[in-house]
Amino acid sequence: MSTPASMSTPTRPIARPDQIRPAFTFFKVMAFVVGIGLLVLAVEMILSYGVGLKGRENPLWWWPQPHGFLFMVYAAATLNLGLKVRWGIGKLVTIMLAGCVPLLSFVAEAKVAREIRELLATQDAR
């Protein structure tokens, strides 16, 4: 089955490879950080709601706010890369939402990494 045009990366990105590479690196770092952060958040929620450690009894009581900030940085990194390679809004939102599901940000990062590496190889060959 073919991928809808709105979900695939076009062959002609809006930016040059030397502009895409730093955005790609930043995206990869933030996807990893948010993925780990989401796992920590899941542990915090288990401790809070499953075990009943509320407030400062929970050793991770402080984590939800920094995680929210990191997610916003991840969203900005995704937008930055997406604009440079002309992703459609659907793909941008899908990749951003992948950072909301434990372990899915790692899967999304791997898929995006493969796609961007292919795109850069194509651009470098020109």
N, C-alpha and C. Protein backbone atom coordinates (compact mmCIF):
# COMPACT_ATOMS: atom_id res chain seq x y z
N MET A 1 0.85 -1.18 0.00
CA MET A 1 0.00 0.00 0.00
C MET A 1 0.89 1.23 0.00
N SER A 2 0.54 2.20 -0.75
CA SER A 2 1.36 3.41 -0.84
C SER A 2 1.03 4.37 0.29
N THR A 3 2.00 5.22 0.61
CA THR A 3 1.84 6.23 1.65
C THR A 3 1.15 7.44 1.05
N PRO A 4 0.16 8.01 1.74
CA PRO A 4 -0.49 9.22 1.20
C PRO A 4 0.54 10.34 1.02
N ALA A 5 0.32 11.16 0.05
CA ALA A 5 1.26 12.24 -0.26
C ALA A 5 1.48 13.16 0.93
N SER A 6 0.46 13.37 1.75
CA SER A 6 0.60 14.27 2.90
C SER A 6 1.47 13.66 4.00
N MET A 7 1.69 12.35 3.99
CA MET A 7 2.46 11.70 5.03
C MET A 7 3.91 11.42 4.61
N SER A 8 4.24 11.57 3.35
CA SER A 8 5.59 11.28 2.91
C SER A 8 6.37 12.57 2.74
N THR A 9 7.69 12.44 2.82
CA THR A 9 8.55 13.60 2.64
C THR A 9 8.77 13.82 1.15
N PRO A 10 8.57 15.02 0.65
CA PRO A 10 8.79 15.27 -0.77
C PRO A 10 10.27 15.14 -1.11
N THR A 11 10.54 14.98 -2.39
CA THR A 11 11.92 14.80 -2.81
C THR A 11 12.71 16.11 -2.77
N ARG A 12 12.03 17.24 -2.71
CA ARG A 12 12.71 18.54 -2.70
C ARG A 12 12.41 19.28 -1.41
N PRO A 13 13.28 19.12 -0.41
CA PRO A 13 13.06 19.86 0.84
C PRO A 13 13.26 21.34 0.63
N ILE A 14 12.74 22.13 1.55
CA ILE A 14 12.84 23.57 1.46
C ILE A 14 14.24 24.06 1.86
N ALA A 15 14.96 23.25 2.63
CA ALA A 15 16.27 23.65 3.14
C ALA A 15 17.38 22.81 2.49
N ARG A 16 18.59 23.33 2.60
CA ARG A 16 19.77 22.61 2.11
C ARG A 16 20.17 21.55 3.13
N PRO A 17 20.91 20.52 2.70
CA PRO A 17 21.36 19.48 3.63
C PRO A 17 22.12 20.04 4.84
N ASP A 18 22.92 21.09 4.64
CA ASP A 18 23.67 21.65 5.77
C ASP A 18 22.74 22.36 6.77
N GLN A 19 21.52 22.66 6.37
CA GLN A 19 20.52 23.23 7.29
C GLN A 19 19.67 22.12 7.93
N ILE A 20 19.49 21.04 7.21
CA ILE A 20 18.68 19.92 7.70
C ILE A 20 19.44 19.14 8.77
N ARG A 21 20.74 18.91 8.57
CA ARG A 21 21.51 18.07 9.50
C ARG A 21 21.44 18.53 10.95
N PRO A 22 21.67 19.83 11.27
CA PRO A 22 21.57 20.23 12.68
C PRO A 22 20.15 20.09 13.23
N ALA A 23 19.15 20.36 12.41
CA ALA A 23 17.76 20.20 12.85
C ALA A 23 17.46 18.73 13.12
N PHE A 24 18.01 17.86 12.29
CA PHE A 24 17.84 16.42 12.45
C PHE A 24 18.51 15.93 13.73
N THR A 25 19.72 16.40 13.99
CA THR A 25 20.43 16.02 15.21
C THR A 25 19.67 16.49 16.44
N PHE A 26 19.19 17.72 16.42
CA PHE A 26 18.42 18.26 17.54
C PHE A 26 17.15 17.44 17.76
N PHE A 27 16.48 17.08 16.68
CA PHE A 27 15.28 16.25 16.78
C PHE A 27 15.60 14.90 17.42
N LYS A 28 16.68 14.25 16.95
CA LYS A 28 17.05 12.94 17.50
C LYS A 28 17.34 13.02 18.99
N VAL A 29 18.07 14.04 19.40
CA VAL A 29 18.39 14.20 20.82
C VAL A 29 17.12 14.42 21.62
N MET A 30 16.25 15.29 21.16
CA MET A 30 15.03 15.59 21.90
C MET A 30 14.07 14.40 21.92
N ALA A 31 14.01 13.63 20.85
CA ALA A 31 13.16 12.44 20.84
C ALA A 31 13.64 11.44 21.89
N PHE A 32 14.95 11.28 22.00
CA PHE A 32 15.52 10.38 23.01
C PHE A 32 15.24 10.90 24.42
N VAL A 33 15.50 12.19 24.64
CA VAL A 33 15.30 12.78 25.97
C VAL A 33 13.83 12.70 26.37
N VAL A 34 12.92 13.01 25.47
CA VAL A 34 11.50 12.96 25.79
C VAL A 34 11.05 11.51 25.99
N GLY A 35 11.61 10.59 25.23
CA GLY A 35 11.27 9.18 25.43
C GLY A 35 11.66 8.70 26.82
N ILE A 36 12.87 9.01 27.24
CA ILE A 36 13.31 8.66 28.59
C ILE A 36 12.46 9.40 29.62
N GLY A 37 12.24 10.69 29.36
CA GLY A 37 11.43 11.49 30.29
C GLY A 37 10.02 10.96 30.45
N LEU A 38 9.46 10.44 29.38
CA LEU A 38 8.11 9.89 29.46
C LEU A 38 8.10 8.60 30.28
N LEU A 39 9.15 7.81 30.18
CA LEU A 39 9.25 6.61 31.01
C LEU A 39 9.35 7.00 32.49
N VAL A 40 10.14 8.04 32.78
CA VAL A 40 10.24 8.53 34.16
C VAL A 40 8.88 9.04 34.63
N LEU A 41 8.16 9.74 33.76
CA LEU A 41 6.83 10.22 34.10
C LEU A 41 5.88 9.06 34.39
N ALA A 42 5.99 7.99 33.63
CA ALA A 42 5.15 6.81 33.87
C ALA A 42 5.45 6.23 35.25
N VAL A 43 6.73 6.18 35.63
CA VAL A 43 7.09 5.70 36.96
C VAL A 43 6.52 6.63 38.02
N GLU A 44 6.60 7.93 37.79
CA GLU A 44 6.05 8.91 38.74
C GLU A 44 4.55 8.69 38.91
N MET A 45 3.85 8.44 37.83
CA MET A 45 2.40 8.23 37.90
C MET A 45 2.06 6.92 38.61
N ILE A 46 2.85 5.89 38.38
CA ILE A 46 2.64 4.62 39.08
C ILE A 46 2.84 4.81 40.57
N LEU A 47 3.90 5.54 40.93
CA LEU A 47 4.15 5.80 42.35
C LEU A 47 3.02 6.63 42.96
N SER A 48 2.52 7.59 42.21
CA SER A 48 1.48 8.48 42.72
C SER A 48 0.11 7.81 42.79
N TYR A 49 -0.32 7.21 41.68
CA TYR A 49 -1.67 6.67 41.61
C TYR A 49 -1.75 5.19 41.96
N GLY A 50 -0.70 4.44 41.66
CA GLY A 50 -0.72 3.01 41.94
C GLY A 50 -0.30 2.68 43.36
N VAL A 51 0.78 3.30 43.82
CA VAL A 51 1.32 3.03 45.14
C VAL A 51 0.73 3.97 46.18
N GLY A 52 0.28 5.12 45.76
CA GLY A 52 -0.35 6.07 46.67
C GLY A 52 0.60 7.07 47.29
N LEU A 53 1.79 7.22 46.70
CA LEU A 53 2.74 8.22 47.21
C LEU A 53 2.35 9.58 46.64
N LYS A 54 1.76 10.41 47.46
CA LYS A 54 1.30 11.72 47.01
C LYS A 54 2.25 12.81 47.47
N GLY A 55 2.28 13.89 46.72
CA GLY A 55 3.09 15.05 47.09
C GLY A 55 4.56 14.69 47.22
N ARG A 56 5.19 15.22 48.24
CA ARG A 56 6.63 15.02 48.42
C ARG A 56 7.00 13.63 48.93
N GLU A 57 6.02 12.82 49.23
CA GLU A 57 6.32 11.42 49.56
C GLU A 57 6.82 10.69 48.31
N ASN A 58 6.37 11.14 47.17
CA ASN A 58 6.78 10.56 45.89
C ASN A 58 8.14 11.13 45.52
N PRO A 59 9.16 10.27 45.33
CA PRO A 59 10.49 10.79 45.00
C PRO A 59 10.55 11.52 43.66
N LEU A 60 9.57 11.33 42.82
CA LEU A 60 9.54 11.99 41.51
C LEU A 60 8.44 13.05 41.42
N TRP A 61 8.01 13.57 42.55
CA TRP A 61 6.92 14.57 42.59
C TRP A 61 7.20 15.77 41.71
N TRP A 62 8.45 16.09 41.51
CA TRP A 62 8.87 17.29 40.78
C TRP A 62 8.94 17.07 39.27
N TRP A 63 8.86 15.84 38.78
CA TRP A 63 9.16 15.53 37.38
C TRP A 63 8.12 16.00 36.36
N PRO A 64 6.81 16.01 36.62
CA PRO A 64 5.86 16.37 35.55
C PRO A 64 6.12 17.74 34.91
N GLN A 65 6.49 18.75 35.67
CA GLN A 65 6.70 20.07 35.08
C GLN A 65 7.92 20.10 34.14
N PRO A 66 9.09 19.59 34.57
CA PRO A 66 10.21 19.57 33.61
C PRO A 66 9.89 18.73 32.37
N HIS A 67 9.15 17.64 32.56
CA HIS A 67 8.80 16.83 31.40
C HIS A 67 7.94 17.62 30.42
N GLY A 68 7.01 18.41 30.94
CA GLY A 68 6.18 19.25 30.07
C GLY A 68 7.00 20.24 29.28
N PHE A 69 7.99 20.84 29.94
CA PHE A 69 8.88 21.77 29.24
C PHE A 69 9.67 21.04 28.16
N LEU A 70 10.22 19.87 28.51
CA LEU A 70 10.99 19.09 27.52
C LEU A 70 10.11 18.70 26.34
N PHE A 71 8.85 18.37 26.60
CA PHE A 71 7.96 18.03 25.49
C PHE A 71 7.76 19.23 24.57
N MET A 72 7.65 20.42 25.13
CA MET A 72 7.51 21.61 24.28
C MET A 72 8.76 21.81 23.42
N VAL A 73 9.94 21.54 23.96
CA VAL A 73 11.17 21.64 23.19
C VAL A 73 11.18 20.58 22.09
N TYR A 74 10.71 19.38 22.42
CA TYR A 74 10.59 18.30 21.42
C TYR A 74 9.65 18.72 20.29
N ALA A 75 8.52 19.32 20.65
CA ALA A 75 7.57 19.79 19.64
C ALA A 75 8.21 20.84 18.75
N ALA A 76 9.00 21.74 19.34
CA ALA A 76 9.69 22.77 18.54
C ALA A 76 10.74 22.13 17.64
N ALA A 77 11.45 21.12 18.15
CA ALA A 77 12.45 20.42 17.33
C ALA A 77 11.78 19.71 16.16
N THR A 78 10.63 19.10 16.42
CA THR A 78 9.88 18.41 15.36
C THR A 78 9.40 19.41 14.32
N LEU A 79 8.86 20.53 14.77
CA LEU A 79 8.40 21.57 13.85
C LEU A 79 9.55 22.12 13.02
N ASN A 80 10.68 22.38 13.65
CA ASN A 80 11.86 22.89 12.95
C ASN A 80 12.29 21.94 11.83
N LEU A 81 12.42 20.66 12.16
CA LEU A 81 12.82 19.68 11.15
C LEU A 81 11.74 19.54 10.09
N GLY A 82 10.49 19.46 10.53
CA GLY A 82 9.39 19.28 9.59
C GLY A 82 9.26 20.40 8.58
N LEU A 83 9.48 21.62 9.02
CA LEU A 83 9.43 22.74 8.08
C LEU A 83 10.58 22.69 7.08
N LYS A 84 11.73 22.25 7.54
CA LYS A 84 12.90 22.19 6.65
C LYS A 84 12.74 21.12 5.57
N VAL A 85 12.04 20.03 5.89
CA VAL A 85 11.88 18.95 4.91
C VAL A 85 10.47 18.88 4.34
N ARG A 86 9.65 19.89 4.65
CA ARG A 86 8.29 20.04 4.10
C ARG A 86 7.35 18.90 4.46
N TRP A 87 7.31 18.55 5.72
CA TRP A 87 6.31 17.58 6.16
C TRP A 87 4.95 18.25 6.16
N GLY A 88 3.92 17.50 5.92
CA GLY A 88 2.56 18.00 6.02
C GLY A 88 2.15 18.10 7.49
N ILE A 89 1.05 18.78 7.73
CA ILE A 89 0.58 18.99 9.10
C ILE A 89 0.24 17.67 9.77
N GLY A 90 -0.31 16.73 9.03
CA GLY A 90 -0.65 15.43 9.58
C GLY A 90 0.57 14.69 10.10
N LYS A 91 1.62 14.71 9.34
CA LYS A 91 2.85 14.03 9.77
C LYS A 91 3.47 14.75 10.97
N LEU A 92 3.47 16.07 10.94
CA LEU A 92 4.00 16.83 12.09
C LEU A 92 3.26 16.47 13.37
N VAL A 93 1.95 16.49 13.31
CA VAL A 93 1.14 16.19 14.50
C VAL A 93 1.35 14.75 14.94
N THR A 94 1.40 13.82 14.01
CA THR A 94 1.62 12.42 14.34
C THR A 94 2.94 12.22 15.07
N ILE A 95 4.01 12.84 14.57
CA ILE A 95 5.32 12.68 15.20
C ILE A 95 5.34 13.37 16.56
N MET A 96 4.70 14.52 16.67
CA MET A 96 4.63 15.19 17.98
C MET A 96 3.87 14.33 18.98
N LEU A 97 2.76 13.74 18.55
CA LEU A 97 1.97 12.90 19.45
C LEU A 97 2.70 11.62 19.85
N ALA A 98 3.64 11.19 19.02
CA ALA A 98 4.43 10.01 19.38
C ALA A 98 5.20 10.24 20.68
N GLY A 99 5.48 11.50 20.99
CA GLY A 99 6.16 11.83 22.24
C GLY A 99 5.26 11.77 23.45
N CYS A 100 4.00 11.41 23.25
CA CYS A 100 3.04 11.30 24.36
C CYS A 100 2.79 9.86 24.78
N VAL A 101 3.30 8.91 24.03
CA VAL A 101 3.05 7.49 24.30
C VAL A 101 4.39 6.85 24.67
N PRO A 102 4.46 6.24 25.86
CA PRO A 102 5.73 5.61 26.26
C PRO A 102 6.26 4.66 25.18
N LEU A 103 7.53 4.79 24.90
CA LEU A 103 8.30 4.01 23.92
C LEU A 103 8.04 4.39 22.47
N LEU A 104 6.92 5.04 22.18
CA LEU A 104 6.60 5.36 20.78
C LEU A 104 7.54 6.43 20.21
N SER A 105 8.06 7.31 21.06
CA SER A 105 8.98 8.33 20.53
C SER A 105 10.25 7.67 19.98
N PHE A 106 10.65 6.54 20.56
CA PHE A 106 11.82 5.82 20.04
C PHE A 106 11.52 5.23 18.67
N VAL A 107 10.32 4.69 18.50
CA VAL A 107 9.91 4.12 17.22
C VAL A 107 9.81 5.23 16.16
N ALA A 108 9.18 6.33 16.53
CA ALA A 108 9.03 7.45 15.59
C ALA A 108 10.39 8.01 15.21
N GLU A 109 11.29 8.14 16.19
CA GLU A 109 12.63 8.68 15.90
C GLU A 109 13.36 7.77 14.92
N ALA A 110 13.26 6.46 15.11
CA ALA A 110 13.93 5.52 14.20
C ALA A 110 13.37 5.63 12.79
N LYS A 111 12.05 5.76 12.68
CA LYS A 111 11.43 5.89 11.36
C LYS A 111 11.83 7.20 10.70
N VAL A 112 11.79 8.29 11.45
CA VAL A 112 12.18 9.60 10.92
C VAL A 112 13.66 9.58 10.54
N ALA A 113 14.49 8.97 11.37
CA ALA A 113 15.93 8.92 11.09
C ALA A 113 16.20 8.22 9.76
N ARG A 114 15.53 7.10 9.54
CA ARG A 114 15.71 6.37 8.28
C ARG A 114 15.28 7.25 7.10
N GLU A 115 14.14 7.90 7.24
CA GLU A 115 13.62 8.75 6.17
C GLU A 115 14.55 9.93 5.88
N ILE A 116 15.02 10.59 6.92
CA ILE A 116 15.87 11.77 6.73
C ILE A 116 17.23 11.37 6.17
N ARG A 117 17.77 10.25 6.63
CA ARG A 117 19.05 9.78 6.07
C ARG A 117 18.94 9.51 4.57
N GLU A 118 17.83 8.90 4.16
CA GLU A 118 17.59 8.67 2.73
C GLU A 118 17.47 9.99 1.99
N LEU A 119 16.75 10.93 2.57
CA LEU A 119 16.59 12.25 1.95
C LEU A 119 17.94 12.94 1.80
N LEU A 120 18.75 12.90 2.85
CA LEU A 120 20.07 13.54 2.79
C LEU A 120 20.98 12.86 1.78
N ALA A 121 20.90 11.53 1.70
CA ALA A 121 21.71 10.82 0.72
C ALA A 121 21.32 11.22 -0.69
N THR A 122 20.02 11.39 -0.91
CA THR A 122 19.52 11.83 -2.22
C THR A 122 20.00 13.24 -2.53
N GLN A 123 19.92 14.12 -1.53
CA GLN A 123 20.33 15.51 -1.72
C GLN A 123 21.84 15.61 -1.93
N ASP A 124 22.61 14.81 -1.19
CA ASP A 124 24.06 14.83 -1.35
C ASP A 124 24.50 14.32 -2.71
N ALA A 125 23.71 13.40 -3.29
CA ALA A 125 24.06 12.82 -4.58
C ALA A 125 23.85 13.82 -5.72
N ARG A 126 23.09 14.87 -5.47
CA ARG A 126 22.81 15.85 -6.54
C ARG A 126 23.97 16.76 -6.78
